[in-house]
């Protein structure tokens, strides 16, 4: 079961790069290049992401095609917000996060914070 988050991340990255929804067969085919999986595994990952609300699905013949509900940047922001909600020492966590940023990311963060004033 340790592969689940890796596969979920791989599928999300794949879907964010696509122009439109993908069927489980298309997802499996693309996953096979880096993470060989059975069709049922690809289907399970898609269903799990759909149940989490990360994907929407569209009927395509007898199958469904899946696409992300939010963009990659919005998803990352939601994950960061969720992590911060779980931390008791938010200031420490934020400080450590900022320490690890590259100088260009730090400058971008400062620009964003300044624009909010």
PDB file of N, CA and C in Angstrom:
ATOM      1  N   UNK A   1       0.805  -1.212   0.000  1.00  0.00           N
ATOM      2  CA  UNK A   1       0.000   0.000   0.000  1.00  0.00           C
ATOM      3  C   UNK A   1       0.847   1.276   0.000  1.00  0.00           C
ATOM      4  N   UNK A   2       2.142   1.173   0.164  1.00  0.00           N
ATOM      5  CA  UNK A   2       3.012   2.344   0.188  1.00  0.00           C
ATOM      6  C   UNK A   2       3.047   3.051  -1.163  1.00  0.00           C
ATOM      7  N   UNK A   3       2.669   2.365  -2.238  1.00  0.00           N
ATOM      8  CA  UNK A   3       2.679   2.965  -3.574  1.00  0.00           C
ATOM      9  C   UNK A   3       1.501   3.902  -3.808  1.00  0.00           C
ATOM     10  N   UNK A   4       0.467   3.825  -2.977  1.00  0.00           N
ATOM     11  CA  UNK A   4      -0.750   4.603  -3.226  1.00  0.00           C
ATOM     12  C   UNK A   4      -0.491   6.098  -3.396  1.00  0.00           C
ATOM     13  N   UNK A   5       0.174   6.766  -2.435  1.00  0.00           N
ATOM     14  CA  UNK A   5       0.394   8.210  -2.620  1.00  0.00           C
ATOM     15  C   UNK A   5       1.259   8.513  -3.846  1.00  0.00           C
ATOM     16  N   UNK A   6       2.223   7.650  -4.134  1.00  0.00           N
ATOM     17  CA  UNK A   6       3.080   7.860  -5.302  1.00  0.00           C
ATOM     18  C   UNK A   6       2.244   7.788  -6.575  1.00  0.00           C
ATOM     19  N   UNK A   7       1.391   6.780  -6.662  1.00  0.00           N
ATOM     20  CA  UNK A   7       0.538   6.634  -7.847  1.00  0.00           C
ATOM     21  C   UNK A   7      -0.481   7.765  -7.944  1.00  0.00           C
ATOM     22  N   UNK A   8      -1.059   8.154  -6.813  1.00  0.00           N
ATOM     23  CA  UNK A   8      -2.018   9.257  -6.829  1.00  0.00           C
ATOM     24  C   UNK A   8      -1.347  10.532  -7.326  1.00  0.00           C
ATOM     25  N   UNK A   9      -0.147  10.814  -6.833  1.00  0.00           N
ATOM     26  CA  UNK A   9       0.578  12.006  -7.285  1.00  0.00           C
ATOM     27  C   UNK A   9       0.915  11.916  -8.768  1.00  0.00           C
ATOM     28  N   UNK A  10       1.343  10.746  -9.213  1.00  0.00           N
ATOM     29  CA  UNK A  10       1.681  10.564 -10.630  1.00  0.00           C
ATOM     30  C   UNK A  10       0.455  10.786 -11.512  1.00  0.00           C
ATOM     31  N   UNK A  11      -0.688  10.282 -11.081  1.00  0.00           N
ATOM     32  CA  UNK A  11      -1.920  10.450 -11.864  1.00  0.00           C
ATOM     33  C   UNK A  11      -2.341  11.915 -11.882  1.00  0.00           C
ATOM     34  N   UNK A  12      -2.282  12.581 -10.739  1.00  0.00           N
ATOM     35  CA  UNK A  12      -2.659  13.991 -10.704  1.00  0.00           C
ATOM     36  C   UNK A  12      -1.743  14.813 -11.608  1.00  0.00           C
ATOM     37  N   UNK A  13      -0.439  14.593 -11.525  1.00  0.00           N
ATOM     38  CA  UNK A  13       0.499  15.327 -12.388  1.00  0.00           C
ATOM     39  C   UNK A  13       0.183  15.090 -13.860  1.00  0.00           C
ATOM     40  N   UNK A  14      -0.112  13.847 -14.201  1.00  0.00           N
ATOM     41  CA  UNK A  14      -0.449  13.492 -15.577  1.00  0.00           C
ATOM     42  C   UNK A  14      -1.698  14.244 -16.035  1.00  0.00           C
ATOM     43  N   UNK A  15      -2.723  14.241 -15.213  1.00  0.00           N
ATOM     44  CA  UNK A  15      -3.983  14.877 -15.592  1.00  0.00           C
ATOM     45  C   UNK A  15      -3.848  16.394 -15.680  1.00  0.00           C
ATOM     46  N   UNK A  16      -3.018  16.995 -14.827  1.00  0.00           N
ATOM     47  CA  UNK A  16      -2.799  18.441 -14.917  1.00  0.00           C
ATOM     48  C   UNK A  16      -2.099  18.809 -16.220  1.00  0.00           C
ATOM     49  N   UNK A  17      -1.310  17.912 -16.763  1.00  0.00           N
ATOM     50  CA  UNK A  17      -0.572  18.195 -17.999  1.00  0.00           C
ATOM     51  C   UNK A  17      -1.415  17.956 -19.251  1.00  0.00           C
ATOM     52  N   UNK A  18      -2.537  17.291 -19.115  1.00  0.00           N
ATOM     53  CA  UNK A  18      -3.372  16.946 -20.268  1.00  0.00           C
ATOM     54  C   UNK A  18      -4.287  18.100 -20.660  1.00  0.00           C
ATOM     55  N   UNK A  19      -4.705  18.070 -21.919  1.00  0.00           N
ATOM     56  CA  UNK A  19      -5.644  19.068 -22.433  1.00  0.00           C
ATOM     57  C   UNK A  19      -7.077  18.777 -22.013  1.00  0.00           C
ATOM     58  N   UNK A  20      -7.380  17.506 -21.773  1.00  0.00           N
ATOM     59  CA  UNK A  20      -8.743  17.126 -21.433  1.00  0.00           C
ATOM     60  C   UNK A  20      -8.754  15.870 -20.589  1.00  0.00           C
ATOM     61  N   UNK A  21      -9.940  15.348 -20.312  1.00  0.00           N
ATOM     62  CA  UNK A  21     -10.079  14.155 -19.471  1.00  0.00           C
ATOM     63  C   UNK A  21      -9.441  12.922 -20.113  1.00  0.00           C
ATOM     64  N   UNK A  22      -9.015  11.991 -19.259  1.00  0.00           N
ATOM     65  CA  UNK A  22      -8.439  10.720 -19.706  1.00  0.00           C
ATOM     66  C   UNK A  22      -9.250   9.559 -19.154  1.00  0.00           C
ATOM     67  N   UNK A  23      -9.353   8.503 -19.941  1.00  0.00           N
ATOM     68  CA  UNK A  23     -10.002   7.270 -19.491  1.00  0.00           C
ATOM     69  C   UNK A  23      -9.001   6.446 -18.680  1.00  0.00           C
ATOM     70  N   UNK A  24      -9.472   5.488 -17.906  1.00  0.00           N
ATOM     71  CA  UNK A  24      -8.554   4.620 -17.160  1.00  0.00           C
ATOM     72  C   UNK A  24      -7.527   3.932 -18.067  1.00  0.00           C
ATOM     73  N   UNK A  25      -7.939   3.524 -19.246  1.00  0.00           N
ATOM     74  CA  UNK A  25      -7.004   2.868 -20.175  1.00  0.00           C
ATOM     75  C   UNK A  25      -5.889   3.829 -20.594  1.00  0.00           C
ATOM     76  N   UNK A  26      -6.241   5.085 -20.858  1.00  0.00           N
ATOM     77  CA  UNK A  26      -5.234   6.083 -21.218  1.00  0.00           C
ATOM     78  C   UNK A  26      -4.297   6.361 -20.042  1.00  0.00           C
ATOM     79  N   UNK A  27      -4.864   6.440 -18.847  1.00  0.00           N
ATOM     80  CA  UNK A  27      -4.049   6.660 -17.648  1.00  0.00           C
ATOM     81  C   UNK A  27      -3.085   5.498 -17.459  1.00  0.00           C
ATOM     82  N   UNK A  28      -3.589   4.274 -17.579  1.00  0.00           N
ATOM     83  CA  UNK A  28      -2.731   3.094 -17.428  1.00  0.00           C
ATOM     84  C   UNK A  28      -1.593   3.120 -18.443  1.00  0.00           C
ATOM     85  N   UNK A  29      -1.916   3.429 -19.684  1.00  0.00           N
ATOM     86  CA  UNK A  29      -0.910   3.471 -20.746  1.00  0.00           C
ATOM     87  C   UNK A  29       0.194   4.476 -20.423  1.00  0.00           C
ATOM     88  N   UNK A  30      -0.188   5.652 -19.945  1.00  0.00           N
ATOM     89  CA  UNK A  30       0.810   6.672 -19.609  1.00  0.00           C
ATOM     90  C   UNK A  30       1.582   6.297 -18.346  1.00  0.00           C
ATOM     91  N   UNK A  31       0.892   5.721 -17.368  1.00  0.00           N
ATOM     92  CA  UNK A  31       1.564   5.290 -16.135  1.00  0.00           C
ATOM     93  C   UNK A  31       2.600   4.205 -16.411  1.00  0.00           C
ATOM     94  N   UNK A  32       2.308   3.327 -17.359  1.00  0.00           N
ATOM     95  CA  UNK A  32       3.206   2.210 -17.656  1.00  0.00           C
ATOM     96  C   UNK A  32       4.611   2.669 -18.035  1.00  0.00           C
ATOM     97  N   UNK A  33       4.748   3.903 -18.508  1.00  0.00           N
ATOM     98  CA  UNK A  33       6.064   4.422 -18.878  1.00  0.00           C
ATOM     99  C   UNK A  33       6.980   4.561 -17.663  1.00  0.00           C
ATOM    100  N   UNK A  34       6.417   4.891 -16.512  1.00  0.00           N
ATOM    101  CA  UNK A  34       7.236   5.110 -15.306  1.00  0.00           C
ATOM    102  C   UNK A  34       6.812   4.257 -14.113  1.00  0.00           C
ATOM    103  N   UNK A  35       5.533   3.914 -14.036  1.00  0.00           N
ATOM    104  CA  UNK A  35       4.983   3.145 -12.920  1.00  0.00           C
ATOM    105  C   UNK A  35       4.090   2.033 -13.481  1.00  0.00           C
ATOM    106  N   UNK A  36       4.656   0.951 -13.984  1.00  0.00           N
ATOM    107  CA  UNK A  36       3.815  -0.112 -14.565  1.00  0.00           C
ATOM    108  C   UNK A  36       2.762  -0.608 -13.569  1.00  0.00           C
ATOM    109  N   UNK A  37       1.508  -0.585 -14.009  1.00  0.00           N
ATOM    110  CA  UNK A  37       0.398  -1.000 -13.144  1.00  0.00           C
ATOM    111  C   UNK A  37      -0.608  -1.812 -13.952  1.00  0.00           C
ATOM    112  N   UNK A  38      -1.426  -2.551 -13.244  1.00  0.00           N
ATOM    113  CA  UNK A  38      -2.546  -3.259 -13.866  1.00  0.00           C
ATOM    114  C   UNK A  38      -3.667  -2.253 -14.143  1.00  0.00           C
ATOM    115  N   UNK A  39      -4.532  -2.580 -15.080  1.00  0.00           N
ATOM    116  CA  UNK A  39      -5.674  -1.725 -15.392  1.00  0.00           C
ATOM    117  C   UNK A  39      -6.505  -1.474 -14.138  1.00  0.00           C
ATOM    118  N   UNK A  40      -6.714  -2.521 -13.338  1.00  0.00           N
ATOM    119  CA  UNK A  40      -7.529  -2.380 -12.125  1.00  0.00           C
ATOM    120  C   UNK A  40      -6.886  -1.420 -11.131  1.00  0.00           C
ATOM    121  N   UNK A  41      -5.564  -1.383 -11.086  1.00  0.00           N
ATOM    122  CA  UNK A  41      -4.870  -0.446 -10.193  1.00  0.00           C
ATOM    123  C   UNK A  41      -5.096   0.985 -10.658  1.00  0.00           C
ATOM    124  N   UNK A  42      -4.967   1.225 -11.958  1.00  0.00           N
ATOM    125  CA  UNK A  42      -5.219   2.565 -12.495  1.00  0.00           C
ATOM    126  C   UNK A  42      -6.653   2.989 -12.190  1.00  0.00           C
ATOM    127  N   UNK A  43      -7.587   2.065 -12.369  1.00  0.00           N
ATOM    128  CA  UNK A  43      -8.995   2.338 -12.091  1.00  0.00           C
ATOM    129  C   UNK A  43      -9.205   2.662 -10.613  1.00  0.00           C
ATOM    130  N   UNK A  44      -8.574   1.898  -9.733  1.00  0.00           N
ATOM    131  CA  UNK A  44      -8.701   2.122  -8.289  1.00  0.00           C
ATOM    132  C   UNK A  44      -8.161   3.491  -7.896  1.00  0.00           C
ATOM    133  N   UNK A  45      -7.015   3.866  -8.439  1.00  0.00           N
ATOM    134  CA  UNK A  45      -6.424   5.175  -8.128  1.00  0.00           C
ATOM    135  C   UNK A  45      -7.356   6.291  -8.589  1.00  0.00           C
ATOM    136  N   UNK A  46      -7.892   6.174  -9.793  1.00  0.00           N
ATOM    137  CA  UNK A  46      -8.819   7.189 -10.294  1.00  0.00           C
ATOM    138  C   UNK A  46     -10.069   7.281  -9.425  1.00  0.00           C
ATOM    139  N   UNK A  47     -10.620   6.143  -9.044  1.00  0.00           N
ATOM    140  CA  UNK A  47     -11.812   6.143  -8.186  1.00  0.00           C
ATOM    141  C   UNK A  47     -11.517   6.785  -6.833  1.00  0.00           C
ATOM    142  N   UNK A  48     -10.368   6.468  -6.268  1.00  0.00           N
ATOM    143  CA  UNK A  48      -9.989   7.035  -4.975  1.00  0.00           C
ATOM    144  C   UNK A  48      -9.867   8.562  -5.074  1.00  0.00           C
ATOM    145  N   UNK A  49      -9.214   9.045  -6.124  1.00  0.00           N
ATOM    146  CA  UNK A  49      -9.072  10.491  -6.316  1.00  0.00           C
ATOM    147  C   UNK A  49     -10.426  11.146  -6.576  1.00  0.00           C
ATOM    148  N   UNK A  50     -11.306  10.463  -7.302  1.00  0.00           N
ATOM    149  CA  UNK A  50     -12.650  10.985  -7.557  1.00  0.00           C
ATOM    150  C   UNK A  50     -13.435  11.087  -6.251  1.00  0.00           C
ATOM    151  N   UNK A  51     -13.354  10.043  -5.416  1.00  0.00           N
ATOM    152  CA  UNK A  51     -14.071  10.055  -4.133  1.00  0.00           C
ATOM    153  C   UNK A  51     -13.538  11.132  -3.194  1.00  0.00           C
ATOM    154  N   UNK A  52     -12.268  11.483  -3.315  1.00  0.00           N
ATOM    155  CA  UNK A  52     -11.671  12.555  -2.510  1.00  0.00           C
ATOM    156  C   UNK A  52     -12.065  13.936  -3.033  1.00  0.00           C
ATOM    157  N   UNK A  53     -12.728  13.974  -4.181  1.00  0.00           N
ATOM    158  CA  UNK A  53     -13.141  15.246  -4.762  1.00  0.00           C
ATOM    159  C   UNK A  53     -12.066  15.918  -5.601  1.00  0.00           C
ATOM    160  N   UNK A  54     -10.978  15.206  -5.878  1.00  0.00           N
ATOM    161  CA  UNK A  54      -9.887  15.788  -6.659  1.00  0.00           C
ATOM    162  C   UNK A  54     -10.108  15.664  -8.163  1.00  0.00           C
ATOM    163  N   UNK A  55     -11.004  14.752  -8.561  1.00  0.00           N
ATOM    164  CA  UNK A  55     -11.303  14.552  -9.977  1.00  0.00           C
ATOM    165  C   UNK A  55     -12.802  14.640 -10.214  1.00  0.00           C
ATOM    166  N   UNK A  56     -13.170  15.053 -11.408  1.00  0.00           N
ATOM    167  CA  UNK A  56     -14.553  14.927 -11.865  1.00  0.00           C
ATOM    168  C   UNK A  56     -14.516  13.903 -12.989  1.00  0.00           C
ATOM    169  N   UNK A  57     -15.646  13.303 -13.258  1.00  0.00           N
ATOM    170  CA  UNK A  57     -15.649  12.287 -14.306  1.00  0.00           C
ATOM    171  C   UNK A  57     -16.780  12.531 -15.286  1.00  0.00           C
ATOM    172  N   UNK A  58     -16.539  12.076 -16.502  1.00  0.00           N
ATOM    173  CA  UNK A  58     -17.464  12.247 -17.610  1.00  0.00           C
ATOM    174  C   UNK A  58     -17.692  10.890 -18.252  1.00  0.00           C
ATOM    175  N   UNK A  59     -18.923  10.606 -18.612  1.00  0.00           N
ATOM    176  CA  UNK A  59     -19.242   9.341 -19.270  1.00  0.00           C
ATOM    177  C   UNK A  59     -18.724   9.402 -20.712  1.00  0.00           C
ATOM    178  N   UNK A  60     -17.943   8.384 -21.085  1.00  0.00           N
ATOM    179  CA  UNK A  60     -17.429   8.257 -22.451  1.00  0.00           C
ATOM    180  C   UNK A  60     -17.715   6.829 -22.890  1.00  0.00           C
ATOM    181  N   UNK A  61     -18.821   6.633 -23.593  1.00  0.00           N
ATOM    182  CA  UNK A  61     -19.221   5.275 -23.951  1.00  0.00           C
ATOM    183  C   UNK A  61     -19.561   4.492 -22.693  1.00  0.00           C
ATOM    184  N   UNK A  62     -18.906   3.349 -22.519  1.00  0.00           N
ATOM    185  CA  UNK A  62     -19.152   2.519 -21.333  1.00  0.00           C
ATOM    186  C   UNK A  62     -18.212   2.860 -20.182  1.00  0.00           C
ATOM    187  N   UNK A  63     -17.267   3.741 -20.418  1.00  0.00           N
ATOM    188  CA  UNK A  63     -16.277   4.080 -19.386  1.00  0.00           C
ATOM    189  C   UNK A  63     -16.466   5.524 -18.931  1.00  0.00           C
ATOM    190  N   UNK A  64     -15.658   5.925 -17.991  1.00  0.00           N
ATOM    191  CA  UNK A  64     -15.595   7.316 -17.563  1.00  0.00           C
ATOM    192  C   UNK A  64     -14.237   7.874 -17.950  1.00  0.00           C
ATOM    193  N   UNK A  65     -14.194   9.178 -18.177  1.00  0.00           N
ATOM    194  CA  UNK A  65     -12.938   9.895 -18.356  1.00  0.00           C
ATOM    195  C   UNK A  65     -12.833  10.859 -17.178  1.00  0.00           C
ATOM    196  N   UNK A  66     -11.620  11.082 -16.714  1.00  0.00           N
ATOM    197  CA  UNK A  66     -11.394  11.852 -15.490  1.00  0.00           C
ATOM    198  C   UNK A  66     -10.539  13.083 -15.763  1.00  0.00           C
ATOM    199  N   UNK A  67     -10.852  14.167 -15.043  1.00  0.00           N
ATOM    200  CA  UNK A  67     -10.091  15.414 -15.134  1.00  0.00           C
ATOM    201  C   UNK A  67     -10.035  16.033 -13.737  1.00  0.00           C
ATOM    202  N   UNK A  68      -8.993  16.809 -13.446  1.00  0.00           N
ATOM    203  CA  UNK A  68      -8.873  17.441 -12.127  1.00  0.00           C
ATOM    204  C   UNK A  68      -9.987  18.461 -11.877  1.00  0.00           C
ATOM    205  N   UNK A  69     -10.386  18.584 -10.623  1.00  0.00           N
ATOM    206  CA  UNK A  69     -11.394  19.586 -10.261  1.00  0.00           C
ATOM    207  C   UNK A  69     -10.758  20.952 -10.033  1.00  0.00           C
ATOM    208  N   UNK A  70      -9.477  20.978  -9.692  1.00  0.00           N
ATOM    209  CA  UNK A  70      -8.754  22.235  -9.468  1.00  0.00           C
ATOM    210  C   UNK A  70      -7.391  22.148 -10.140  1.00  0.00           C
ATOM    211  N   UNK A  71      -6.785  23.298 -10.369  1.00  0.00           N
ATOM    212  CA  UNK A  71      -5.448  23.340 -10.945  1.00  0.00           C
ATOM    213  C   UNK A  71      -4.388  22.923  -9.933  1.00  0.00           C
ATOM    214  N   UNK A  72      -3.200  22.704 -10.439  1.00  0.00           N
ATOM    215  CA  UNK A  72      -2.100  22.237  -9.601  1.00  0.00           C
ATOM    216  C   UNK A  72      -1.742  23.248  -8.510  1.00  0.00           C
ATOM    217  N   UNK A  73      -1.692  24.529  -8.841  1.00  0.00           N
ATOM    218  CA  UNK A  73      -1.330  25.548  -7.854  1.00  0.00           C
ATOM    219  C   UNK A  73      -2.379  25.633  -6.744  1.00  0.00           C
ATOM    220  N   UNK A  74      -3.654  25.594  -7.115  1.00  0.00           N
ATOM    221  CA  UNK A  74      -4.716  25.649  -6.107  1.00  0.00           C
ATOM    222  C   UNK A  74      -4.671  24.417  -5.210  1.00  0.00           C
ATOM    223  N   UNK A  75      -4.410  23.264  -5.799  1.00  0.00           N
ATOM    224  CA  UNK A  75      -4.311  22.028  -5.013  1.00  0.00           C
ATOM    225  C   UNK A  75      -3.159  22.123  -4.010  1.00  0.00           C
ATOM    226  N   UNK A  76      -2.020  22.637  -4.455  1.00  0.00           N
ATOM    227  CA  UNK A  76      -0.865  22.787  -3.557  1.00  0.00           C
ATOM    228  C   UNK A  76      -1.202  23.739  -2.412  1.00  0.00           C
ATOM    229  N   UNK A  77      -1.881  24.835  -2.722  1.00  0.00           N
ATOM    230  CA  UNK A  77      -2.267  25.796  -1.683  1.00  0.00           C
ATOM    231  C   UNK A  77      -3.217  25.156  -0.673  1.00  0.00           C
ATOM    232  N   UNK A  78      -4.169  24.362  -1.156  1.00  0.00           N
ATOM    233  CA  UNK A  78      -5.104  23.681  -0.253  1.00  0.00           C
ATOM    234  C   UNK A  78      -4.373  22.697   0.654  1.00  0.00           C
ATOM    235  N   UNK A  79      -3.397  21.993   0.108  1.00  0.00           N
ATOM    236  CA  UNK A  79      -2.619  21.047   0.922  1.00  0.00           C
ATOM    237  C   UNK A  79      -1.831  21.792   1.996  1.00  0.00           C
ATOM    238  N   UNK A  80      -1.208  22.925   1.621  1.00  0.00           N
ATOM    239  CA  UNK A  80      -0.445  23.704   2.601  1.00  0.00           C
ATOM    240  C   UNK A  80      -1.360  24.225   3.707  1.00  0.00           C
ATOM    241  N   UNK A  81      -2.543  24.707   3.328  1.00  0.00           N
ATOM    242  CA  UNK A  81      -3.508  25.184   4.325  1.00  0.00           C
ATOM    243  C   UNK A  81      -3.895  24.061   5.276  1.00  0.00           C
ATOM    244  N   UNK A  82      -4.138  22.876   4.738  1.00  0.00           N
ATOM    245  CA  UNK A  82      -4.505  21.721   5.561  1.00  0.00           C
ATOM    246  C   UNK A  82      -3.409  21.343   6.535  1.00  0.00           C
ATOM    247  N   UNK A  83      -2.185  21.361   6.073  1.00  0.00           N
ATOM    248  CA  UNK A  83      -1.050  21.035   6.950  1.00  0.00           C
ATOM    249  C   UNK A  83      -0.938  22.068   8.058  1.00  0.00           C
ATOM    250  N   UNK A  84      -1.076  23.344   7.732  1.00  0.00           N
ATOM    251  CA  UNK A  84      -0.982  24.391   8.756  1.00  0.00           C
ATOM    252  C   UNK A  84      -2.085  24.269   9.805  1.00  0.00           C
ATOM    253  N   UNK A  85      -3.272  23.849   9.393  1.00  0.00           N
ATOM    254  CA  UNK A  85      -4.364  23.674  10.358  1.00  0.00           C
ATOM    255  C   UNK A  85      -4.038  22.598  11.387  1.00  0.00           C
ATOM    256  N   UNK A  86      -3.204  21.626  11.006  1.00  0.00           N
ATOM    257  CA  UNK A  86      -2.882  20.504  11.888  1.00  0.00           C
ATOM    258  C   UNK A  86      -1.713  20.791  12.829  1.00  0.00           C
ATOM    259  N   UNK A  87      -1.016  21.906  12.635  1.00  0.00           N
ATOM    260  CA  UNK A  87       0.195  22.203  13.401  1.00  0.00           C
ATOM    261  C   UNK A  87      -0.133  23.133  14.565  1.00  0.00           C
ATOM    262  N   UNK A  88       0.352  22.783  15.756  1.00  0.00           N
ATOM    263  CA  UNK A  88       0.149  23.639  16.927  1.00  0.00           C
ATOM    264  C   UNK A  88       1.033  24.880  16.876  1.00  0.00           C
ATOM    265  N   UNK A  89       2.271  24.732  16.445  1.00  0.00           N
ATOM    266  CA  UNK A  89       3.219  25.846  16.393  1.00  0.00           C
ATOM    267  C   UNK A  89       3.328  26.359  14.959  1.00  0.00           C
ATOM    268  N   UNK A  90       2.313  27.080  14.536  1.00  0.00           N
ATOM    269  CA  UNK A  90       2.252  27.550  13.151  1.00  0.00           C
ATOM    270  C   UNK A  90       3.416  28.462  12.798  1.00  0.00           C
ATOM    271  N   UNK A  91       3.785  29.354  13.712  1.00  0.00           N
ATOM    272  CA  UNK A  91       4.885  30.287  13.435  1.00  0.00           C
ATOM    273  C   UNK A  91       6.185  29.535  13.181  1.00  0.00           C
ATOM    274  N   UNK A  92       6.435  28.501  13.975  1.00  0.00           N
ATOM    275  CA  UNK A  92       7.650  27.699  13.790  1.00  0.00           C
ATOM    276  C   UNK A  92       7.598  26.986  12.440  1.00  0.00           C
ATOM    277  N   UNK A  93       6.458  26.387  12.123  1.00  0.00           N
ATOM    278  CA  UNK A  93       6.317  25.676  10.851  1.00  0.00           C
ATOM    279  C   UNK A  93       6.502  26.629   9.670  1.00  0.00           C
ATOM    280  N   UNK A  94       5.876  27.797   9.739  1.00  0.00           N
ATOM    281  CA  UNK A  94       6.027  28.772   8.661  1.00  0.00           C
ATOM    282  C   UNK A  94       7.471  29.242   8.540  1.00  0.00           C
ATOM    283  N   UNK A  95       8.115  29.477   9.681  1.00  0.00           N
ATOM    284  CA  UNK A  95       9.518  29.897   9.674  1.00  0.00           C
ATOM    285  C   UNK A  95      10.414  28.865   9.024  1.00  0.00           C
ATOM    286  N   UNK A  96      10.215  27.621   9.375  1.00  0.00           N
ATOM    287  CA  UNK A  96      11.027  26.544   8.779  1.00  0.00           C
ATOM    288  C   UNK A  96      10.756  26.417   7.284  1.00  0.00           C
ATOM    289  N   UNK A  97       9.499  26.601   6.904  1.00  0.00           N
ATOM    290  CA  UNK A  97       9.147  26.548   5.489  1.00  0.00           C
ATOM    291  C   UNK A  97       9.883  27.647   4.721  1.00  0.00           C
ATOM    292  N   UNK A  98       9.837  28.869   5.246  1.00  0.00           N
ATOM    293  CA  UNK A  98      10.480  30.003   4.578  1.00  0.00           C
ATOM    294  C   UNK A  98      11.991  29.816   4.521  1.00  0.00           C
ATOM    295  N   UNK A  99      12.584  29.259   5.582  1.00  0.00           N
ATOM    296  CA  UNK A  99      14.032  29.005   5.591  1.00  0.00           C
ATOM    297  C   UNK A  99      14.452  28.119   4.431  1.00  0.00           C
ATOM    298  N   UNK A 100      13.603  27.203   4.057  1.00  0.00           N
ATOM    299  CA  UNK A 100      13.943  26.232   3.007  1.00  0.00           C
ATOM    300  C   UNK A 100      13.654  26.739   1.591  1.00  0.00           C
ATOM    301  N   UNK A 101      13.031  27.885   1.484  1.00  0.00           N
ATOM    302  CA  UNK A 101      12.736  28.440   0.164  1.00  0.00           C
ATOM    303  C   UNK A 101      14.012  28.946  -0.499  1.00  0.00           C
ATOM    304  N   UNK A 102      14.043  28.863  -1.808  1.00  0.00           N
ATOM    305  CA  UNK A 102      15.155  29.463  -2.550  1.00  0.00           C
ATOM    306  C   UNK A 102      15.036  30.980  -2.431  1.00  0.00           C
ATOM    307  N   UNK A 103      16.107  31.682  -2.723  1.00  0.00           N
ATOM    308  CA  UNK A 103      16.060  33.142  -2.615  1.00  0.00           C
ATOM    309  C   UNK A 103      15.025  33.724  -3.578  1.00  0.00           C
ATOM    310  N   UNK A 104      14.884  33.143  -4.762  1.00  0.00           N
ATOM    311  CA  UNK A 104      13.887  33.664  -5.706  1.00  0.00           C
ATOM    312  C   UNK A 104      12.463  33.404  -5.206  1.00  0.00           C
ATOM    313  N   UNK A 105      12.224  32.240  -4.584  1.00  0.00           N
ATOM    314  CA  UNK A 105      10.900  31.968  -4.018  1.00  0.00           C
ATOM    315  C   UNK A 105      10.620  32.893  -2.835  1.00  0.00           C
ATOM    316  N   UNK A 106      11.645  33.168  -2.034  1.00  0.00           N
ATOM    317  CA  UNK A 106      11.483  34.086  -0.902  1.00  0.00           C
ATOM    318  C   UNK A 106      11.123  35.487  -1.404  1.00  0.00           C
ATOM    319  N   UNK A 107      11.814  35.927  -2.457  1.00  0.00           N
ATOM    320  CA  UNK A 107      11.513  37.241  -3.042  1.00  0.00           C
ATOM    321  C   UNK A 107      10.081  37.280  -3.568  1.00  0.00           C
ATOM    322  N   UNK A 108       9.657  36.207  -4.212  1.00  0.00           N
ATOM    323  CA  UNK A 108       8.282  36.137  -4.733  1.00  0.00           C
ATOM    324  C   UNK A 108       7.270  36.190  -3.590  1.00  0.00           C
ATOM    325  N   UNK A 109       7.550  35.478  -2.515  1.00  0.00           N
ATOM    326  CA  UNK A 109       6.668  35.497  -1.350  1.00  0.00           C
ATOM    327  C   UNK A 109       6.586  36.906  -0.763  1.00  0.00           C
ATOM    328  N   UNK A 110       7.716  37.584  -0.664  1.00  0.00           N
ATOM    329  CA  UNK A 110       7.727  38.957  -0.142  1.00  0.00           C
ATOM    330  C   UNK A 110       6.910  39.881  -1.054  1.00  0.00           C
ATOM    331  N   UNK A 111       7.043  39.701  -2.367  1.00  0.00           N
ATOM    332  CA  UNK A 111       6.282  40.515  -3.313  1.00  0.00           C
ATOM    333  C   UNK A 111       4.781  40.295  -3.120  1.00  0.00           C
ATOM    334  N   UNK A 112       4.385  39.040  -2.956  1.00  0.00           N
ATOM    335  CA  UNK A 112       2.969  38.709  -2.760  1.00  0.00           C
ATOM    336  C   UNK A 112       2.454  39.312  -1.458  1.00  0.00           C
ATOM    337  N   UNK A 113       3.243  39.187  -0.386  1.00  0.00           N
ATOM    338  CA  UNK A 113       2.833  39.733   0.908  1.00  0.00           C
ATOM    339  C   UNK A 113       2.743  41.254   0.865  1.00  0.00           C
ATOM    340  N   UNK A 114       3.663  41.908   0.175  1.00  0.00           N
ATOM    341  CA  UNK A 114       3.647  43.371   0.057  1.00  0.00           C
ATOM    342  C   UNK A 114       2.436  43.843  -0.737  1.00  0.00           C
ATOM    343  N   UNK A 115       2.077  43.100  -1.763  1.00  0.00           N
ATOM    344  CA  UNK A 115       0.933  43.471  -2.598  1.00  0.00           C
ATOM    345  C   UNK A 115      -0.376  43.349  -1.833  1.00  0.00           C
ATOM    346  N   UNK A 116      -0.408  42.517  -0.797  1.00  0.00           N
ATOM    347  CA  UNK A 116      -1.622  42.313  -0.012  1.00  0.00           C
ATOM    348  C   UNK A 116      -1.909  43.426   0.966  1.00  0.00           C
ATOM    349  N   UNK A 117      -0.956  44.304   1.176  1.00  0.00           N
ATOM    350  CA  UNK A 117      -1.153  45.404   2.147  1.00  0.00           C
ATOM    351  C   UNK A 117      -1.980  46.516   1.587  1.00  0.00           C
TER     352      UNK A 117
END
